[in-house]
Amino acid sequence: MEYQNEHSLFDIQYDDNLKQQMKGAANVAAIAAILSLVGSVVSFISFFVTRSRQEAMLRNMGMEGFSSQNAASTGSNLVSAVISLVLAIFMFYFLSQYARLTKAGVDNNDTMQIGDGLAKLATYFKIIGVLLIIVMVFFFLAILIVATIGGR
């Protein structure tokens, strides 16, 4: 006789081993989300610390203020740091929601919560995929520009 479990996930039978693995994956995702957010915040703070050290060094060398090129570079670095932090916050949200909903769903034997958690994980990977495509396009454009300028 075949073993029938009354709890199913999209008509897939799951046992205690699968529950423990799902809970373990959710725990790892929660830790990864926290570490990712902390790393991004530290990087954002590091930008301002580095910027203030550079300003102090230039003042000590007798070069008050920045040239227009240095000011533009600092502005673009600030925009990059802010965009990076905002993306990290979005990524943290989806990964932590996956972890929270999946753990709660496993604990309560609630397939709807597990499904919602997996949907958050799917959204997380969609965002990662879109970002990867954007980065690849920028690299391709940079290679194309370098090849065009180098060909002259």
Protein backbone atom coordinates (compact mmCIF):
# COMPACT_ATOMS: atom_id res chain seq x y z
CA MET A 1 0.00 0.00 0.00
CA GLU A 2 1.30 3.45 -0.90
CA TYR A 3 1.96 6.02 1.85
CA GLN A 4 -0.47 8.94 1.65
CA ASN A 5 0.23 12.17 3.52
CA GLU A 6 -2.72 14.45 4.10
CA HIS A 7 -0.55 17.56 3.65
CA SER A 8 0.57 18.31 0.13
CA LEU A 9 2.30 21.14 -1.61
CA PHE A 10 0.80 21.57 -5.07
CA ASP A 11 -0.08 17.86 -5.03
CA ILE A 12 3.48 16.94 -4.06
CA GLN A 13 3.71 14.81 -0.95
CA TYR A 14 6.12 16.11 1.65
CA ASP A 15 7.46 14.52 4.76
CA ASP A 16 9.45 15.66 7.76
CA ASN A 17 12.73 15.49 5.84
CA LEU A 18 11.45 17.91 3.18
CA LYS A 19 10.02 20.19 5.86
CA GLN A 20 13.40 20.32 7.62
CA GLN A 21 15.19 21.04 4.34
CA MET A 22 12.77 23.83 3.48
CA LYS A 23 13.15 25.30 6.94
CA GLY A 24 16.94 25.04 6.65
CA ALA A 25 16.90 26.81 3.29
CA ALA A 26 14.71 29.53 4.79
CA ASN A 27 17.16 29.95 7.68
CA VAL A 28 20.10 30.27 5.28
CA ALA A 29 18.13 32.80 3.23
CA ALA A 30 17.39 34.85 6.35
CA ILE A 31 21.07 34.92 7.30
CA ALA A 32 22.08 35.80 3.73
CA ALA A 33 19.52 38.62 3.62
CA ILE A 34 20.79 40.12 6.87
CA LEU A 35 24.45 39.83 5.86
CA SER A 36 23.73 41.34 2.46
CA LEU A 37 21.94 44.32 3.98
CA VAL A 38 24.65 44.85 6.60
CA GLY A 39 27.33 44.71 3.89
CA SER A 40 25.51 47.30 1.79
CA VAL A 41 25.02 49.64 4.74
CA VAL A 42 28.71 49.31 5.67
CA SER A 43 29.66 50.03 2.06
CA PHE A 44 27.40 53.10 2.03
CA ILE A 45 28.95 54.40 5.26
CA SER A 46 32.42 53.61 3.91
CA PHE A 47 31.73 55.89 0.94
CA PHE A 48 31.26 58.89 3.23
CA VAL A 49 34.25 58.01 5.40
CA THR A 50 36.48 57.71 2.34
CA ARG A 51 35.12 60.93 0.91
CA SER A 52 35.81 62.88 4.09
CA ARG A 53 39.36 61.45 4.27
CA GLN A 54 40.02 62.51 0.69
CA GLU A 55 38.76 66.03 1.41
CA ALA A 56 40.96 66.25 4.51
CA MET A 57 43.99 65.01 2.56
CA LEU A 58 43.43 67.60 -0.19
CA ARG A 59 43.04 70.37 2.39
CA ASN A 60 46.29 69.34 4.08
CA MET A 61 48.06 69.40 0.73
CA GLY A 62 46.91 72.97 0.17
CA MET A 63 44.36 72.21 -2.54
CA GLU A 64 41.12 73.56 -1.16
CA GLY A 65 37.97 72.10 -2.75
CA PHE A 66 37.64 69.77 -5.65
CA SER A 67 38.12 70.40 -9.31
CA SER A 68 35.02 70.05 -11.46
CA GLN A 69 36.17 66.58 -12.55
CA ASN A 70 36.59 65.39 -8.95
CA ALA A 71 33.20 66.87 -7.98
CA ALA A 72 31.49 65.06 -10.86
CA SER A 73 33.24 61.82 -9.92
CA THR A 74 32.14 62.19 -6.30
CA GLY A 75 28.57 62.89 -7.40
CA SER A 76 28.43 59.82 -9.61
CA ASN A 77 29.92 57.72 -6.81
CA LEU A 78 27.20 58.99 -4.46
CA VAL A 79 24.47 58.11 -6.97
CA SER A 80 26.01 54.67 -7.39
CA ALA A 81 26.16 54.15 -3.61
CA VAL A 82 22.53 55.22 -3.16
CA ILE A 83 21.30 52.98 -6.00
CA SER A 84 23.27 50.07 -4.54
CA LEU A 85 21.74 50.62 -1.11
CA VAL A 86 18.19 50.87 -2.48
CA LEU A 87 18.64 47.65 -4.47
CA ALA A 88 20.05 45.91 -1.40
CA ILE A 89 17.00 46.96 0.63
CA PHE A 90 14.64 45.55 -2.04
CA MET A 91 16.63 42.33 -2.21
CA PHE A 92 16.63 42.08 1.59
CA TYR A 93 12.86 42.51 1.66
CA PHE A 94 12.08 39.69 -0.78
CA LEU A 95 14.63 37.28 0.65
CA SER A 96 13.55 37.90 4.25
CA GLN A 97 9.88 37.55 3.28
CA TYR A 98 10.67 34.20 1.67
CA ALA A 99 12.42 33.08 4.84
CA ARG A 100 9.67 34.30 7.18
CA LEU A 101 6.74 32.94 5.17
CA THR A 102 8.36 29.59 4.42
CA LYS A 103 9.35 28.97 8.04
CA ALA A 104 5.86 29.92 9.22
CA GLY A 105 4.25 27.74 6.55
CA VAL A 106 6.36 24.73 7.47
CA ASP A 107 5.70 25.23 11.18
CA ASN A 108 1.92 25.58 10.65
CA ASN A 109 1.61 23.03 7.81
CA ASP A 110 0.14 25.86 5.74
CA THR A 111 0.75 25.34 2.04
CA MET A 112 -0.55 28.82 1.20
CA GLN A 113 2.19 30.43 3.30
CA ILE A 114 4.80 28.16 1.76
CA GLY A 115 3.50 29.09 -1.70
CA ASP A 116 3.63 32.79 -0.82
CA GLY A 117 7.18 32.34 0.45
CA LEU A 118 8.23 30.59 -2.74
CA ALA A 119 6.60 33.40 -4.75
CA LYS A 120 8.80 35.90 -2.87
CA LEU A 121 11.83 33.77 -3.69
CA ALA A 122 10.79 33.70 -7.35
CA THR A 123 10.53 37.52 -7.33
CA TYR A 124 13.98 37.72 -5.74
CA PHE A 125 15.47 35.61 -8.54
CA LYS A 126 13.61 37.61 -11.21
CA ILE A 127 15.18 40.80 -9.84
CA ILE A 128 18.61 39.16 -9.79
CA GLY A 129 18.09 38.06 -13.41
CA VAL A 130 17.06 41.51 -14.59
CA LEU A 131 20.02 43.10 -12.81
CA LEU A 132 22.37 40.55 -14.34
CA ILE A 133 21.03 41.31 -17.83
CA ILE A 134 21.46 45.06 -17.23
CA VAL A 135 25.05 44.58 -16.08
CA MET A 136 25.81 42.37 -19.07
CA VAL A 137 24.42 45.02 -21.44
CA PHE A 138 26.58 47.71 -19.82
CA PHE A 139 29.66 45.50 -20.12
CA PHE A 140 28.85 44.78 -23.76
CA LEU A 141 28.42 48.50 -24.45
CA ALA A 142 31.70 49.29 -22.66
CA ILE A 143 33.53 46.65 -24.72
CA LEU A 144 31.94 48.01 -27.88
CA ILE A 145 32.97 51.58 -27.04
CA VAL A 146 36.53 50.52 -26.20
CA ALA A 147 36.76 48.52 -29.42
CA THR A 148 35.44 51.46 -31.43
CA ILE A 149 37.82 53.98 -29.84
CA GLY A 150 40.73 51.52 -30.04
CA GLY A 151 40.08 50.91 -33.73
CA ARG A 152 40.76 54.55 -34.68
